[in-house]
Amino acid sequence: MRWHAWKMVLEQLEEYAEVSEERVTMGGIRAIKHVFDYSIDSPEGMVRVRVAGLFLVQDSFVYRVTCIVPSWDWDEYQSTFDTMISSFRVLD
């Protein structure tokens, strides 16, 4: 699934709101870093979450790194997520 098709799926999430979208290069491969918010239904009611993700296509393979946290905890985990995403590599 290519990026534009995947983004159409994401936009169907409850209360989807894009925070940022950035084109990056990971190990010489073009990728997209995407941060967005949406709401999920939990036993305690609706919870707003923030997702940081990396979407990378190489040859016929799609790689995704997805990090998710309740929105109110974003500041605490953002640097950890950024480190995880920026360290991703496709191995031979």
Protein backbone atom coordinates (compact mmCIF):
# COMPACT_ATOMS: atom_id res chain seq x y z
CA MET A 1 0.00 0.00 0.00
CA ARG A 2 1.49 3.32 -1.02
CA TRP A 3 1.50 6.43 1.17
CA HIS A 4 -1.48 8.21 -0.41
CA ALA A 5 -3.66 5.11 -0.01
CA TRP A 6 -2.51 4.61 3.58
CA LYS A 7 -3.22 8.26 4.42
CA MET A 8 -6.77 7.88 3.08
CA VAL A 9 -7.25 5.01 5.56
CA LEU A 10 -5.90 7.14 8.42
CA GLU A 11 -8.24 10.00 7.58
CA GLN A 12 -11.16 7.70 8.37
CA LEU A 13 -10.10 7.42 12.01
CA GLU A 14 -12.37 9.05 14.57
CA GLU A 15 -11.51 12.76 14.93
CA TYR A 16 -8.32 12.38 12.84
CA ALA A 17 -6.15 15.51 12.89
CA GLU A 18 -2.76 15.75 11.21
CA VAL A 19 -0.08 17.37 13.36
CA SER A 20 2.82 17.16 10.91
CA GLU A 21 4.07 15.37 7.81
CA GLU A 22 7.71 15.43 6.87
CA ARG A 23 9.61 13.77 4.04
CA VAL A 24 12.84 12.29 5.39
CA THR A 25 15.62 9.97 4.24
CA MET A 26 16.39 6.87 6.29
CA GLY A 27 19.54 5.01 5.30
CA GLY A 28 19.34 6.43 1.80
CA ILE A 29 15.66 5.52 1.40
CA ARG A 30 12.95 8.15 1.13
CA ALA A 31 10.32 7.95 3.85
CA ILE A 32 7.55 9.97 5.46
CA LYS A 33 7.39 10.85 9.14
CA HIS A 34 3.79 11.49 10.09
CA VAL A 35 2.36 12.69 13.41
CA PHE A 36 -1.38 12.78 13.99
CA ASP A 37 -4.05 12.68 16.67
CA TYR A 38 -7.24 10.67 16.81
CA SER A 39 -9.71 9.38 19.39
CA ILE A 40 -10.17 5.78 20.48
CA ASP A 41 -12.96 4.26 22.50
CA SER A 42 -11.74 2.78 25.77
CA PRO A 43 -13.55 1.33 28.80
CA GLU A 44 -13.16 4.76 30.43
CA GLY A 45 -14.63 6.57 27.40
CA MET A 46 -13.05 8.32 24.44
CA VAL A 47 -9.30 8.90 24.74
CA ARG A 48 -7.31 11.29 22.55
CA VAL A 49 -4.04 9.72 21.38
CA ARG A 50 -1.07 10.97 19.40
CA VAL A 51 0.71 8.75 16.90
CA ALA A 52 4.20 9.26 15.51
CA GLY A 53 4.91 7.04 12.56
CA LEU A 54 7.42 6.33 9.85
CA PHE A 55 6.23 5.02 6.48
CA LEU A 56 8.93 3.68 4.19
CA VAL A 57 8.68 1.77 0.91
CA GLN A 58 11.63 -0.12 -0.54
CA ASP A 59 11.24 -2.39 -3.54
CA SER A 60 7.92 -4.16 -2.91
CA PHE A 61 8.11 -3.96 0.88
CA VAL A 62 6.40 -1.47 3.17
CA TYR A 63 7.93 -0.73 6.55
CA ARG A 64 6.05 1.10 9.28
CA VAL A 65 7.20 2.19 12.69
CA THR A 66 4.29 3.29 14.86
CA CYS A 67 4.52 4.91 18.28
CA ILE A 68 1.32 5.77 20.14
CA VAL A 69 0.64 7.48 23.46
CA PRO A 70 -2.25 9.33 25.12
CA SER A 71 -2.03 12.95 23.98
CA TRP A 72 -1.42 14.23 27.50
CA ASP A 73 1.79 12.12 27.69
CA TRP A 74 3.21 13.28 24.34
CA ASP A 75 5.81 15.66 25.78
CA GLU A 76 7.20 12.89 28.01
CA TYR A 77 7.64 10.38 25.15
CA GLN A 78 8.29 12.53 22.08
CA SER A 79 12.10 12.42 22.29
CA THR A 80 12.04 8.63 22.77
CA PHE A 81 9.77 8.23 19.74
CA ASP A 82 11.99 10.53 17.66
CA THR A 83 15.03 8.43 18.60
CA MET A 84 13.25 5.19 17.72
CA ILE A 85 12.07 6.51 14.36
CA SER A 86 15.38 8.14 13.40
CA SER A 87 17.33 4.96 14.22
CA PHE A 88 15.24 2.70 11.98
CA ARG A 89 17.25 0.97 9.23
CA VAL A 90 16.43 -1.63 6.59
CA LEU A 91 19.06 -4.34 6.80
CA ASP A 92 20.35 -6.29 3.82
